[in-house]
Amino acid sequence: MPGLLHPLHDGHAPIILHSAFQDAIDALEDWELGNDEPQIEVNDRQVLISAVFRRLWTCTDILPARTLAVVEDLLPLRSAEFRAGTSTYADAAHSLWELSLQKRAASYEMQHHNAS
């Protein structure tokens, strides 16, 4: 989504992407199966949360402790992979992107199962 989500600069994300990442995590937490993938507002436009996670795949910025704690709660089976003070946005973004795709597939399946 060039132009919609700011690019990284030498692996570093602008603060607006850090904020979008946190908003995307919050939306992922609140996402109820059977509903479409949540979108968040970035630069006055709606963006799928998976697009936010994908944008930060190469972000070398260290995750704040509060964000890391939420990531660990969302990904309990992978929480041992994350370390305070060394885990990056990229580390979390890959796993959260995968989780968002899994939830999207489950929601799609649920929607089409209920429609028949």
PDB file of N, CA and C in Angstrom:
ATOM      1  N   MET A   1       0.832  -1.181   0.000  1.00  0.00           N
ATOM      2  CA  MET A   1       0.000   0.000   0.000  1.00  0.00           C
ATOM      3  C   MET A   1       0.876   1.244   0.000  1.00  0.00           C
ATOM      4  N   PRO A   2       1.646   1.438  -1.030  1.00  0.00           N
ATOM      5  CA  PRO A   2       2.482   2.625  -1.058  1.00  0.00           C
ATOM      6  C   PRO A   2       1.643   3.885  -0.939  1.00  0.00           C
ATOM      7  N   GLY A   3       2.150   4.819  -0.174  1.00  0.00           N
ATOM      8  CA  GLY A   3       1.444   6.077  -0.023  1.00  0.00           C
ATOM      9  C   GLY A   3       0.451   6.075   1.113  1.00  0.00           C
ATOM     10  N   LEU A   4      -0.040   4.923   1.495  1.00  0.00           N
ATOM     11  CA  LEU A   4      -1.007   4.860   2.578  1.00  0.00           C
ATOM     12  C   LEU A   4      -0.305   4.613   3.910  1.00  0.00           C
ATOM     13  N   LEU A   5       0.564   3.628   3.935  1.00  0.00           N
ATOM     14  CA  LEU A   5       1.358   3.350   5.126  1.00  0.00           C
ATOM     15  C   LEU A   5       2.785   3.812   4.853  1.00  0.00           C
ATOM     16  N   HIS A   6       3.286   4.616   5.720  1.00  0.00           N
ATOM     17  CA  HIS A   6       4.617   5.188   5.549  1.00  0.00           C
ATOM     18  C   HIS A   6       5.669   4.085   5.406  1.00  0.00           C
ATOM     19  N   PRO A   7       6.688   4.318   4.601  1.00  0.00           N
ATOM     20  CA  PRO A   7       7.771   3.338   4.480  1.00  0.00           C
ATOM     21  C   PRO A   7       8.697   3.387   5.703  1.00  0.00           C
ATOM     22  N   LEU A   8       9.455   2.321   5.865  1.00  0.00           N
ATOM     23  CA  LEU A   8      10.477   2.293   6.899  1.00  0.00           C
ATOM     24  C   LEU A   8      11.718   2.999   6.367  1.00  0.00           C
ATOM     25  N   HIS A   9      12.532   3.488   7.264  1.00  0.00           N
ATOM     26  CA  HIS A   9      13.794   4.146   6.895  1.00  0.00           C
ATOM     27  C   HIS A   9      14.931   3.420   7.602  1.00  0.00           C
ATOM     28  N   ASP A  10      15.712   2.678   6.842  1.00  0.00           N
ATOM     29  CA  ASP A  10      16.805   1.878   7.402  1.00  0.00           C
ATOM     30  C   ASP A  10      16.317   0.986   8.539  1.00  0.00           C
ATOM     31  N   GLY A  11      15.144   0.391   8.359  1.00  0.00           N
ATOM     32  CA  GLY A  11      14.595  -0.523   9.358  1.00  0.00           C
ATOM     33  C   GLY A  11      13.809   0.133  10.462  1.00  0.00           C
ATOM     34  N   HIS A  12      13.733   1.455  10.451  1.00  0.00           N
ATOM     35  CA  HIS A  12      13.030   2.172  11.515  1.00  0.00           C
ATOM     36  C   HIS A  12      11.706   2.722  10.995  1.00  0.00           C
ATOM     37  N   ALA A  13      10.690   2.600  11.832  1.00  0.00           N
ATOM     38  CA  ALA A  13       9.352   3.056  11.470  1.00  0.00           C
ATOM     39  C   ALA A  13       9.064   4.421  12.082  1.00  0.00           C
ATOM     40  N   PRO A  14       8.339   5.266  11.351  1.00  0.00           N
ATOM     41  CA  PRO A  14       7.904   6.528  11.956  1.00  0.00           C
ATOM     42  C   PRO A  14       6.878   6.237  13.059  1.00  0.00           C
ATOM     43  N   ILE A  15       6.733   7.161  13.954  1.00  0.00           N
ATOM     44  CA  ILE A  15       5.843   6.975  15.110  1.00  0.00           C
ATOM     45  C   ILE A  15       4.417   6.646  14.674  1.00  0.00           C
ATOM     46  N   ILE A  16       3.989   7.156  13.544  1.00  0.00           N
ATOM     47  CA  ILE A  16       2.630   6.860  13.090  1.00  0.00           C
ATOM     48  C   ILE A  16       2.446   5.362  12.829  1.00  0.00           C
ATOM     49  N   LEU A  17       3.503   4.672  12.386  1.00  0.00           N
ATOM     50  CA  LEU A  17       3.403   3.220  12.204  1.00  0.00           C
ATOM     51  C   LEU A  17       3.446   2.481  13.533  1.00  0.00           C
ATOM     52  N   HIS A  18       4.200   3.004  14.488  1.00  0.00           N
ATOM     53  CA  HIS A  18       4.189   2.396  15.822  1.00  0.00           C
ATOM     54  C   HIS A  18       2.780   2.486  16.409  1.00  0.00           C
ATOM     55  N   SER A  19       2.155   3.629  16.249  1.00  0.00           N
ATOM     56  CA  SER A  19       0.783   3.813  16.749  1.00  0.00           C
ATOM     57  C   SER A  19      -0.201   2.921  16.006  1.00  0.00           C
ATOM     58  N   ALA A  20      -0.039   2.826  14.697  1.00  0.00           N
ATOM     59  CA  ALA A  20      -0.919   1.969  13.900  1.00  0.00           C
ATOM     60  C   ALA A  20      -0.760   0.509  14.315  1.00  0.00           C
ATOM     61  N   PHE A  21       0.463   0.106  14.615  1.00  0.00           N
ATOM     62  CA  PHE A  21       0.724  -1.266  15.059  1.00  0.00           C
ATOM     63  C   PHE A  21      -0.037  -1.550  16.349  1.00  0.00           C
ATOM     64  N   GLN A  22       0.030  -0.616  17.290  1.00  0.00           N
ATOM     65  CA  GLN A  22      -0.692  -0.794  18.552  1.00  0.00           C
ATOM     66  C   GLN A  22      -2.196  -0.840  18.308  1.00  0.00           C
ATOM     67  N   ASP A  23      -2.706   0.039  17.450  1.00  0.00           N
ATOM     68  CA  ASP A  23      -4.139   0.023  17.122  1.00  0.00           C
ATOM     69  C   ASP A  23      -4.531  -1.300  16.463  1.00  0.00           C
ATOM     70  N   ALA A  24      -3.653  -1.820  15.612  1.00  0.00           N
ATOM     71  CA  ALA A  24      -3.930  -3.092  14.939  1.00  0.00           C
ATOM     72  C   ALA A  24      -3.965  -4.245  15.941  1.00  0.00           C
ATOM     73  N   ILE A  25      -3.067  -4.213  16.908  1.00  0.00           N
ATOM     74  CA  ILE A  25      -3.078  -5.242  17.959  1.00  0.00           C
ATOM     75  C   ILE A  25      -4.374  -5.162  18.753  1.00  0.00           C
ATOM     76  N   ASP A  26      -4.780  -3.957  19.114  1.00  0.00           N
ATOM     77  CA  ASP A  26      -6.036  -3.783  19.861  1.00  0.00           C
ATOM     78  C   ASP A  26      -7.211  -4.326  19.057  1.00  0.00           C
ATOM     79  N   ALA A  27      -7.232  -4.042  17.767  1.00  0.00           N
ATOM     80  CA  ALA A  27      -8.326  -4.528  16.910  1.00  0.00           C
ATOM     81  C   ALA A  27      -8.275  -6.048  16.778  1.00  0.00           C
ATOM     82  N   LEU A  28      -7.085  -6.609  16.712  1.00  0.00           N
ATOM     83  CA  LEU A  28      -6.943  -8.067  16.642  1.00  0.00           C
ATOM     84  C   LEU A  28      -7.477  -8.710  17.911  1.00  0.00           C
ATOM     85  N   GLU A  29      -7.175  -8.112  19.048  1.00  0.00           N
ATOM     86  CA  GLU A  29      -7.683  -8.628  20.335  1.00  0.00           C
ATOM     87  C   GLU A  29      -9.209  -8.630  20.380  1.00  0.00           C
ATOM     88  N   ASP A  30      -9.816  -7.584  19.828  1.00  0.00           N
ATOM     89  CA  ASP A  30     -11.273  -7.418  19.885  1.00  0.00           C
ATOM     90  C   ASP A  30     -12.015  -8.141  18.755  1.00  0.00           C
ATOM     91  N   TRP A  31     -11.304  -8.673  17.784  1.00  0.00           N
ATOM     92  CA  TRP A  31     -11.903  -9.303  16.608  1.00  0.00           C
ATOM     93  C   TRP A  31     -12.664 -10.566  17.008  1.00  0.00           C
ATOM     94  N   GLU A  32     -13.953 -10.556  16.750  1.00  0.00           N
ATOM     95  CA  GLU A  32     -14.789 -11.721  17.023  1.00  0.00           C
ATOM     96  C   GLU A  32     -14.904 -12.553  15.762  1.00  0.00           C
ATOM     97  N   LEU A  33     -14.697 -13.860  15.909  1.00  0.00           N
ATOM     98  CA  LEU A  33     -14.811 -14.754  14.762  1.00  0.00           C
ATOM     99  C   LEU A  33     -16.185 -14.629  14.129  1.00  0.00           C
ATOM    100  N   GLY A  34     -16.221 -14.671  12.826  1.00  0.00           N
ATOM    101  CA  GLY A  34     -17.456 -14.494  12.083  1.00  0.00           C
ATOM    102  C   GLY A  34     -17.571 -13.095  11.506  1.00  0.00           C
ATOM    103  N   ASN A  35     -16.769 -12.161  12.033  1.00  0.00           N
ATOM    104  CA  ASN A  35     -16.744 -10.801  11.503  1.00  0.00           C
ATOM    105  C   ASN A  35     -15.592 -10.654  10.515  1.00  0.00           C
ATOM    106  N   ASP A  36     -15.717  -9.686   9.615  1.00  0.00           N
ATOM    107  CA  ASP A  36     -14.648  -9.401   8.668  1.00  0.00           C
ATOM    108  C   ASP A  36     -13.416  -8.900   9.410  1.00  0.00           C
ATOM    109  N   GLU A  37     -12.275  -8.972   8.734  1.00  0.00           N
ATOM    110  CA  GLU A  37     -11.029  -8.491   9.320  1.00  0.00           C
ATOM    111  C   GLU A  37     -11.174  -7.017   9.687  1.00  0.00           C
ATOM    112  N   PRO A  38     -10.788  -6.676  10.891  1.00  0.00           N
ATOM    113  CA  PRO A  38     -10.892  -5.275  11.311  1.00  0.00           C
ATOM    114  C   PRO A  38      -9.981  -4.363  10.493  1.00  0.00           C
ATOM    115  N   GLN A  39     -10.412  -3.126  10.426  1.00  0.00           N
ATOM    116  CA  GLN A  39      -9.617  -2.077   9.812  1.00  0.00           C
ATOM    117  C   GLN A  39      -9.390  -0.998  10.859  1.00  0.00           C
ATOM    118  N   ILE A  40      -8.273  -0.320  10.709  1.00  0.00           N
ATOM    119  CA  ILE A  40      -7.987   0.816  11.589  1.00  0.00           C
ATOM    120  C   ILE A  40      -7.771   2.036  10.718  1.00  0.00           C
ATOM    121  N   GLU A  41      -7.846   3.191  11.332  1.00  0.00           N
ATOM    122  CA  GLU A  41      -7.637   4.428  10.586  1.00  0.00           C
ATOM    123  C   GLU A  41      -6.172   4.853  10.658  1.00  0.00           C
ATOM    124  N   VAL A  42      -5.605   5.070   9.490  1.00  0.00           N
ATOM    125  CA  VAL A  42      -4.236   5.567   9.369  1.00  0.00           C
ATOM    126  C   VAL A  42      -4.261   6.650   8.299  1.00  0.00           C
ATOM    127  N   ASN A  43      -3.810   7.828   8.645  1.00  0.00           N
ATOM    128  CA  ASN A  43      -3.805   8.945   7.682  1.00  0.00           C
ATOM    129  C   ASN A  43      -5.196   9.187   7.087  1.00  0.00           C
ATOM    130  N   ASP A  44      -6.205   9.111   7.925  1.00  0.00           N
ATOM    131  CA  ASP A  44      -7.596   9.357   7.518  1.00  0.00           C
ATOM    132  C   ASP A  44      -8.128   8.332   6.515  1.00  0.00           C
ATOM    133  N   ARG A  45      -7.498   7.167   6.455  1.00  0.00           N
ATOM    134  CA  ARG A  45      -7.974   6.094   5.570  1.00  0.00           C
ATOM    135  C   ARG A  45      -8.055   4.805   6.362  1.00  0.00           C
ATOM    136  N   GLN A  46      -8.929   3.921   5.931  1.00  0.00           N
ATOM    137  CA  GLN A  46      -9.082   2.630   6.587  1.00  0.00           C
ATOM    138  C   GLN A  46      -8.079   1.623   6.016  1.00  0.00           C
ATOM    139  N   VAL A  47      -7.422   0.891   6.906  1.00  0.00           N
ATOM    140  CA  VAL A  47      -6.398  -0.073   6.518  1.00  0.00           C
ATOM    141  C   VAL A  47      -6.654  -1.375   7.264  1.00  0.00           C
ATOM    142  N   LEU A  48      -6.574  -2.500   6.543  1.00  0.00           N
ATOM    143  CA  LEU A  48      -6.701  -3.799   7.189  1.00  0.00           C
ATOM    144  C   LEU A  48      -5.550  -3.990   8.176  1.00  0.00           C
ATOM    145  N   ILE A  49      -5.842  -4.625   9.302  1.00  0.00           N
ATOM    146  CA  ILE A  49      -4.792  -4.810  10.301  1.00  0.00           C
ATOM    147  C   ILE A  49      -3.654  -5.678   9.756  1.00  0.00           C
ATOM    148  N   SER A  50      -3.963  -6.637   8.900  1.00  0.00           N
ATOM    149  CA  SER A  50      -2.899  -7.476   8.331  1.00  0.00           C
ATOM    150  C   SER A  50      -1.919  -6.649   7.507  1.00  0.00           C
ATOM    151  N   ALA A  51      -2.396  -5.584   6.867  1.00  0.00           N
ATOM    152  CA  ALA A  51      -1.515  -4.710   6.086  1.00  0.00           C
ATOM    153  C   ALA A  51      -0.554  -3.955   7.000  1.00  0.00           C
ATOM    154  N   VAL A  52      -1.015  -3.584   8.180  1.00  0.00           N
ATOM    155  CA  VAL A  52      -0.148  -2.903   9.140  1.00  0.00           C
ATOM    156  C   VAL A  52       0.942  -3.863   9.614  1.00  0.00           C
ATOM    157  N   PHE A  53       0.532  -5.089   9.965  1.00  0.00           N
ATOM    158  CA  PHE A  53       1.527  -6.072  10.410  1.00  0.00           C
ATOM    159  C   PHE A  53       2.539  -6.343   9.297  1.00  0.00           C
ATOM    160  N   ARG A  54       2.064  -6.465   8.082  1.00  0.00           N
ATOM    161  CA  ARG A  54       2.940  -6.753   6.942  1.00  0.00           C
ATOM    162  C   ARG A  54       3.935  -5.611   6.711  1.00  0.00           C
ATOM    163  N   ARG A  55       3.514  -4.378   6.885  1.00  0.00           N
ATOM    164  CA  ARG A  55       4.386  -3.232   6.664  1.00  0.00           C
ATOM    165  C   ARG A  55       5.577  -3.255   7.632  1.00  0.00           C
ATOM    166  N   LEU A  56       5.371  -3.807   8.815  1.00  0.00           N
ATOM    167  CA  LEU A  56       6.426  -3.777   9.833  1.00  0.00           C
ATOM    168  C   LEU A  56       7.272  -5.052   9.872  1.00  0.00           C
ATOM    169  N   TRP A  57       7.189  -5.868   8.841  1.00  0.00           N
ATOM    170  CA  TRP A  57       7.947  -7.120   8.780  1.00  0.00           C
ATOM    171  C   TRP A  57       9.444  -6.930   8.902  1.00  0.00           C
ATOM    172  N   THR A  58       9.954  -5.786   8.512  1.00  0.00           N
ATOM    173  CA  THR A  58      11.404  -5.574   8.550  1.00  0.00           C
ATOM    174  C   THR A  58      11.797  -4.463   9.525  1.00  0.00           C
ATOM    175  N   CYS A  59      10.897  -4.114  10.411  1.00  0.00           N
ATOM    176  CA  CYS A  59      11.152  -3.028  11.355  1.00  0.00           C
ATOM    177  C   CYS A  59      12.044  -3.520  12.493  1.00  0.00           C
ATOM    178  N   THR A  60      13.193  -2.882  12.642  1.00  0.00           N
ATOM    179  CA  THR A  60      14.164  -3.289  13.652  1.00  0.00           C
ATOM    180  C   THR A  60      14.012  -2.546  14.979  1.00  0.00           C
ATOM    181  N   ASP A  61      12.998  -1.706  15.093  1.00  0.00           N
ATOM    182  CA  ASP A  61      12.751  -0.999  16.348  1.00  0.00           C
ATOM    183  C   ASP A  61      12.338  -2.008  17.426  1.00  0.00           C
ATOM    184  N   ILE A  62      12.792  -1.780  18.643  1.00  0.00           N
ATOM    185  CA  ILE A  62      12.482  -2.656  19.770  1.00  0.00           C
ATOM    186  C   ILE A  62      11.046  -2.402  20.241  1.00  0.00           C
ATOM    187  N   LEU A  63      10.323  -3.489  20.512  1.00  0.00           N
ATOM    188  CA  LEU A  63       8.950  -3.367  21.010  1.00  0.00           C
ATOM    189  C   LEU A  63       8.935  -2.797  22.425  1.00  0.00           C
ATOM    190  N   PRO A  64       8.038  -1.856  22.698  1.00  0.00           N
ATOM    191  CA  PRO A  64       7.864  -1.400  24.081  1.00  0.00           C
ATOM    192  C   PRO A  64       7.365  -2.563  24.947  1.00  0.00           C
ATOM    193  N   ALA A  65       7.683  -2.537  26.217  1.00  0.00           N
ATOM    194  CA  ALA A  65       7.322  -3.629  27.128  1.00  0.00           C
ATOM    195  C   ALA A  65       5.819  -3.878  27.154  1.00  0.00           C
ATOM    196  N   ARG A  66       5.014  -2.821  27.154  1.00  0.00           N
ATOM    197  CA  ARG A  66       3.553  -3.021  27.216  1.00  0.00           C
ATOM    198  C   ARG A  66       3.029  -3.684  25.946  1.00  0.00           C
ATOM    199  N   THR A  67       3.611  -3.350  24.813  1.00  0.00           N
ATOM    200  CA  THR A  67       3.210  -3.974  23.554  1.00  0.00           C
ATOM    201  C   THR A  67       3.649  -5.430  23.543  1.00  0.00           C
ATOM    202  N   LEU A  68       4.846  -5.689  24.013  1.00  0.00           N
ATOM    203  CA  LEU A  68       5.360  -7.051  24.076  1.00  0.00           C
ATOM    204  C   LEU A  68       4.460  -7.923  24.944  1.00  0.00           C
ATOM    205  N   ALA A  69       3.993  -7.401  26.065  1.00  0.00           N
ATOM    206  CA  ALA A  69       3.119  -8.168  26.956  1.00  0.00           C
ATOM    207  C   ALA A  69       1.820  -8.569  26.254  1.00  0.00           C
ATOM    208  N   VAL A  70       1.259  -7.655  25.472  1.00  0.00           N
ATOM    209  CA  VAL A  70       0.022  -7.959  24.739  1.00  0.00           C
ATOM    210  C   VAL A  70       0.294  -9.009  23.665  1.00  0.00           C
ATOM    211  N   VAL A  71       1.418  -8.873  22.974  1.00  0.00           N
ATOM    212  CA  VAL A  71       1.791  -9.845  21.942  1.00  0.00           C
ATOM    213  C   VAL A  71       1.924 -11.228  22.568  1.00  0.00           C
ATOM    214  N   GLU A  72       2.559 -11.307  23.705  1.00  0.00           N
ATOM    215  CA  GLU A  72       2.725 -12.597  24.384  1.00  0.00           C
ATOM    216  C   GLU A  72       1.371 -13.188  24.785  1.00  0.00           C
ATOM    217  N   ASP A  73       0.430 -12.340  25.191  1.00  0.00           N
ATOM    218  CA  ASP A  73      -0.913 -12.818  25.534  1.00  0.00           C
ATOM    219  C   ASP A  73      -1.645 -13.342  24.302  1.00  0.00           C
ATOM    220  N   LEU A  74      -1.468 -12.659  23.169  1.00  0.00           N
ATOM    221  CA  LEU A  74      -2.128 -13.079  21.933  1.00  0.00           C
ATOM    222  C   LEU A  74      -1.519 -14.348  21.346  1.00  0.00           C
ATOM    223  N   LEU A  75      -0.243 -14.556  21.621  1.00  0.00           N
ATOM    224  CA  LEU A  75       0.501 -15.684  21.043  1.00  0.00           C
ATOM    225  C   LEU A  75       1.136 -16.523  22.152  1.00  0.00           C
ATOM    226  N   PRO A  76       0.318 -17.118  23.023  1.00  0.00           N
ATOM    227  CA  PRO A  76       0.894 -17.820  24.181  1.00  0.00           C
ATOM    228  C   PRO A  76       1.820 -18.975  23.804  1.00  0.00           C
ATOM    229  N   LEU A  77       1.560 -19.638  22.701  1.00  0.00           N
ATOM    230  CA  LEU A  77       2.409 -20.763  22.307  1.00  0.00           C
ATOM    231  C   LEU A  77       3.756 -20.311  21.761  1.00  0.00           C
ATOM    232  N   ARG A  78       3.857 -19.038  21.410  1.00  0.00           N
ATOM    233  CA  ARG A  78       5.106 -18.510  20.861  1.00  0.00           C
ATOM    234  C   ARG A  78       5.772 -17.507  21.796  1.00  0.00           C
ATOM    235  N   SER A  79       5.207 -17.309  22.966  1.00  0.00           N
ATOM    236  CA  SER A  79       5.708 -16.262  23.863  1.00  0.00           C
ATOM    237  C   SER A  79       7.175 -16.473  24.256  1.00  0.00           C
ATOM    238  N   ALA A  80       7.648 -17.706  24.267  1.00  0.00           N
ATOM    239  CA  ALA A  80       9.047 -17.965  24.615  1.00  0.00           C
ATOM    240  C   ALA A  80      10.007 -17.400  23.568  1.00  0.00           C
ATOM    241  N   GLU A  81       9.497 -17.107  22.368  1.00  0.00           N
ATOM    242  CA  GLU A  81      10.336 -16.563  21.303  1.00  0.00           C
ATOM    243  C   GLU A  81      10.642 -15.077  21.496  1.00  0.00           C
ATOM    244  N   PHE A  82       9.874 -14.419  22.351  1.00  0.00           N
ATOM    245  CA  PHE A  82      10.013 -12.973  22.526  1.00  0.00           C
ATOM    246  C   PHE A  82      10.803 -12.656  23.781  1.00  0.00           C
ATOM    247  N   ARG A  83      11.611 -11.598  23.706  1.00  0.00           N
ATOM    248  CA  ARG A  83      12.443 -11.178  24.826  1.00  0.00           C
ATOM    249  C   ARG A  83      12.327  -9.671  25.031  1.00  0.00           C
ATOM    250  N   ALA A  84      12.062  -9.270  26.265  1.00  0.00           N
ATOM    251  CA  ALA A  84      12.004  -7.843  26.585  1.00  0.00           C
ATOM    252  C   ALA A  84      13.351  -7.204  26.287  1.00  0.00           C
ATOM    253  N   GLY A  85      13.309  -6.061  25.633  1.00  0.00           N
ATOM    254  CA  GLY A  85      14.511  -5.311  25.342  1.00  0.00           C
ATOM    255  C   GLY A  85      15.240  -5.722  24.073  1.00  0.00           C
ATOM    256  N   THR A  86      14.853  -6.866  23.477  1.00  0.00           N
ATOM    257  CA  THR A  86      15.507  -7.286  22.239  1.00  0.00           C
ATOM    258  C   THR A  86      14.528  -7.645  21.127  1.00  0.00           C
ATOM    259  N   SER A  87      13.288  -7.983  21.462  1.00  0.00           N
ATOM    260  CA  SER A  87      12.317  -8.335  20.425  1.00  0.00           C
ATOM    261  C   SER A  87      11.899  -7.093  19.658  1.00  0.00           C
ATOM    262  N   THR A  88      11.841  -7.233  18.351  1.00  0.00           N
ATOM    263  CA  THR A  88      11.535  -6.100  17.480  1.00  0.00           C
ATOM    264  C   THR A  88      10.087  -6.142  16.995  1.00  0.00           C
ATOM    265  N   TYR A  89       9.685  -5.050  16.387  1.00  0.00           N
ATOM    266  CA  TYR A  89       8.378  -5.023  15.737  1.00  0.00           C
ATOM    267  C   TYR A  89       8.301  -6.117  14.681  1.00  0.00           C
ATOM    268  N   ALA A  90       9.396  -6.339  13.963  1.00  0.00           N
ATOM    269  CA  ALA A  90       9.411  -7.382  12.932  1.00  0.00           C
ATOM    270  C   ALA A  90       9.133  -8.753  13.544  1.00  0.00           C
ATOM    271  N   ASP A  91       9.733  -9.043  14.694  1.00  0.00           N
ATOM    272  CA  ASP A  91       9.509 -10.331  15.352  1.00  0.00           C
ATOM    273  C   ASP A  91       8.018 -10.553  15.603  1.00  0.00           C
ATOM    274  N   ALA A  92       7.383  -9.553  16.140  1.00  0.00           N
ATOM    275  CA  ALA A  92       5.959  -9.666  16.453  1.00  0.00           C
ATOM    276  C   ALA A  92       5.097  -9.589  15.199  1.00  0.00           C
ATOM    277  N   ALA A  93       5.490  -8.752  14.251  1.00  0.00           N
ATOM    278  CA  ALA A  93       4.669  -8.533  13.063  1.00  0.00           C
ATOM    279  C   ALA A  93       4.445  -9.815  12.273  1.00  0.00           C
ATOM    280  N   HIS A  94       5.470 -10.622  12.127  1.00  0.00           N
ATOM    281  CA  HIS A  94       5.323 -11.879  11.390  1.00  0.00           C
ATOM    282  C   HIS A  94       4.272 -12.776  12.041  1.00  0.00           C
ATOM    283  N   SER A  95       4.394 -12.948  13.345  1.00  0.00           N
ATOM    284  CA  SER A  95       3.470 -13.822  14.063  1.00  0.00           C
ATOM    285  C   SER A  95       2.051 -13.265  14.090  1.00  0.00           C
ATOM    286  N   LEU A  96       1.927 -11.962  14.268  1.00  0.00           N
ATOM    287  CA  LEU A  96       0.598 -11.349  14.300  1.00  0.00           C
ATOM    288  C   LEU A  96      -0.053 -11.371  12.918  1.00  0.00           C
ATOM    289  N   TRP A  97       0.741 -11.210  11.878  1.00  0.00           N
ATOM    290  CA  TRP A  97       0.211 -11.305  10.516  1.00  0.00           C
ATOM    291  C   TRP A  97      -0.349 -12.703  10.284  1.00  0.00           C
ATOM    292  N   GLU A  98       0.409 -13.731  10.689  1.00  0.00           N
ATOM    293  CA  GLU A  98      -0.064 -15.110  10.547  1.00  0.00           C
ATOM    294  C   GLU A  98      -1.359 -15.324  11.321  1.00  0.00           C
ATOM    295  N   LEU A  99      -1.413 -14.809  12.549  1.00  0.00           N
ATOM    296  CA  LEU A  99      -2.615 -14.945  13.363  1.00  0.00           C
ATOM    297  C   LEU A  99      -3.794 -14.237  12.703  1.00  0.00           C
ATOM    298  N   SER A 100      -3.571 -13.067  12.134  1.00  0.00           N
ATOM    299  CA  SER A 100      -4.671 -12.342  11.477  1.00  0.00           C
ATOM    300  C   SER A 100      -5.187 -13.122  10.262  1.00  0.00           C
ATOM    301  N   LEU A 101      -4.291 -13.771   9.522  1.00  0.00           N
ATOM    302  CA  LEU A 101      -4.732 -14.577   8.380  1.00  0.00           C
ATOM    303  C   LEU A 101      -5.509 -15.801   8.834  1.00  0.00           C
ATOM    304  N   GLN A 102      -5.088 -16.410   9.928  1.00  0.00           N
ATOM    305  CA  GLN A 102      -5.817 -17.556  10.472  1.00  0.00           C
ATOM    306  C   GLN A 102      -7.219 -17.147  10.916  1.00  0.00           C
ATOM    307  N   LYS A 103      -7.312 -16.004  11.595  1.00  0.00           N
ATOM    308  CA  LYS A 103      -8.621 -15.529  12.044  1.00  0.00           C
ATOM    309  C   LYS A 103      -9.501 -15.140  10.856  1.00  0.00           C
ATOM    310  N   ARG A 104      -8.894 -14.554   9.822  1.00  0.00           N
ATOM    311  CA  ARG A 104      -9.654 -14.198   8.631  1.00  0.00           C
ATOM    312  C   ARG A 104     -10.236 -15.457   7.980  1.00  0.00           C
ATOM    313  N   ALA A 105      -9.431 -16.496   7.860  1.00  0.00           N
ATOM    314  CA  ALA A 105      -9.887 -17.754   7.263  1.00  0.00           C
ATOM    315  C   ALA A 105     -10.987 -18.390   8.109  1.00  0.00           C
ATOM    316  N   ALA A 106     -10.815 -18.381   9.423  1.00  0.00           N
ATOM    317  CA  ALA A 106     -11.830 -18.953  10.307  1.00  0.00           C
ATOM    318  C   ALA A 106     -13.124 -18.151  10.237  1.00  0.00           C
ATOM    319  N   SER A 107     -13.015 -16.840  10.170  1.00  0.00           N
ATOM    320  CA  SER A 107     -14.205 -15.991  10.068  1.00  0.00           C
ATOM    321  C   SER A 107     -14.917 -16.219   8.745  1.00  0.00           C
ATOM    322  N   TYR A 108     -14.147 -16.328   7.670  1.00  0.00           N
ATOM    323  CA  TYR A 108     -14.721 -16.588   6.343  1.00  0.00           C
ATOM    324  C   TYR A 108     -15.461 -17.924   6.353  1.00  0.00           C
ATOM    325  N   GLU A 109     -14.828 -18.921   6.920  1.00  0.00           N
ATOM    326  CA  GLU A 109     -15.448 -20.256   7.000  1.00  0.00           C
ATOM    327  C   GLU A 109     -16.739 -20.193   7.808  1.00  0.00           C
ATOM    328  N   MET A 110     -16.707 -19.487   8.915  1.00  0.00           N
ATOM    329  CA  MET A 110     -17.878 -19.358   9.772  1.00  0.00           C
ATOM    330  C   MET A 110     -19.008 -18.618   9.041  1.00  0.00           C
ATOM    331  N   GLN A 111     -18.668 -17.559   8.336  1.00  0.00           N
ATOM    332  CA  GLN A 111     -19.673 -16.787   7.588  1.00  0.00           C
ATOM    333  C   GLN A 111     -20.338 -17.645   6.525  1.00  0.00           C
ATOM    334  N   HIS A 112     -19.536 -18.417   5.807  1.00  0.00           N
ATOM    335  CA  HIS A 112     -20.094 -19.221   4.718  1.00  0.00           C
ATOM    336  C   HIS A 112     -20.795 -20.467   5.231  1.00  0.00           C
ATOM    337  N   HIS A 113     -20.374 -20.976   6.374  1.00  0.00           N
ATOM    338  CA  HIS A 113     -21.061 -22.107   6.982  1.00  0.00           C
ATOM    339  C   HIS A 113     -22.447 -21.673   7.474  1.00  0.00           C
ATOM    340  N   ASN A 114     -22.503 -20.487   8.066  1.00  0.00           N
ATOM    341  CA  ASN A 114     -23.782 -19.967   8.589  1.00  0.00           C
ATOM    342  C   ASN A 114     -24.722 -19.556   7.456  1.00  0.00           C
ATOM    343  N   ALA A 115     -24.168 -19.189   6.300  1.00  0.00           N
ATOM    344  CA  ALA A 115     -24.990 -18.747   5.176  1.00  0.00           C
ATOM    345  C   ALA A 115     -25.669 -19.924   4.475  1.00  0.00           C
ATOM    346  N   SER A 116     -25.129 -21.127   4.648  1.00  0.00           N
ATOM    347  CA  SER A 116     -25.736 -22.278   3.952  1.00  0.00           C
ATOM    348  C   SER A 116     -26.793 -22.969   4.746  1.00  0.00           C
TER     349      SER A 116
END
